């Protein structure tokens, strides 16, 4: 039982199931947090263990009557302290286990934002009939990466940056209008795409692709919650796995006007991250939901 993104939070030496099992037993016997949900005669939930500043492992499973916690699966988590989007969010339970995925239609990105819900048990508990609201008001996004590189920034004036942000907001509004059936918005977007293709075709022979593509966010691979991203680094800090001593980078990245936290092992990042430079890599996207304070 392995997880590809264990190394992203500092467990790069845990490469086989026989080395991971003692680690999971340690988490199960000395958790720093837990969340349990009762559904009829079933009691399920997670046990969490912190291994640094907002990073750790979560084990999910069931409590069987008269028996200990039975582990089903686990995942590495990394929490962000920055709300990435307040767009309407749909949450659904996965068909094969007690895990939840989220979907947001943020107009800034132009694609459906699909992520693993890292506090899924809190959502399940709120749905199970408690007095707390299950209405989601915001999502804190984090991307775990096992391979990335640093790119130099695209040189822009303040006027160009302002114009780019305004164009992004306008395009977001056009995409939202097109989804609601506005034919004029659809025609405008089609014309913009045609003009963009012509512009890129004219520049690609003389310029590097990464000077043309300033930022991007697109699905990557077969799994729906993994993406290839390029974004500007707004902030970077070094954190440490308290158990293994491995150092990690946590970067706040602006990707198509959506800010997300990216966590990567220092040994897996090519280049030196600094504010203003760009991060390029593949990420597994997880999100922590913030819920309304209303009572139901």
Foldseek 3Di string as FASTA:
>chain_A
DDDPLPVLAPPPVPDDPVSVVVVVVVQQVDFPDWFWADDPPWIWTWGWHDQWDQKTKIFTATDDVPDGTDTDDMDIGGFDPDFFDQAAKDKDADPPDRWIKIWGDQLLALDIAIATAPPSSVLVRCVRDDQFDSGFGTKAKEWRFAAKEWAFAQDDDPVVVVVVVVVSVVSSVLSVVVVVPDVVSVVVVVVVVVVLVVVCVVCVVPDDPCNSCRWHWADDPDDRQKIWIKFFFADKDWMARNPNRFIKIWTFTQHSNGTHIYIGGPVRYHDDDDGGIMMTGMTRMYIYTDGDRHTD
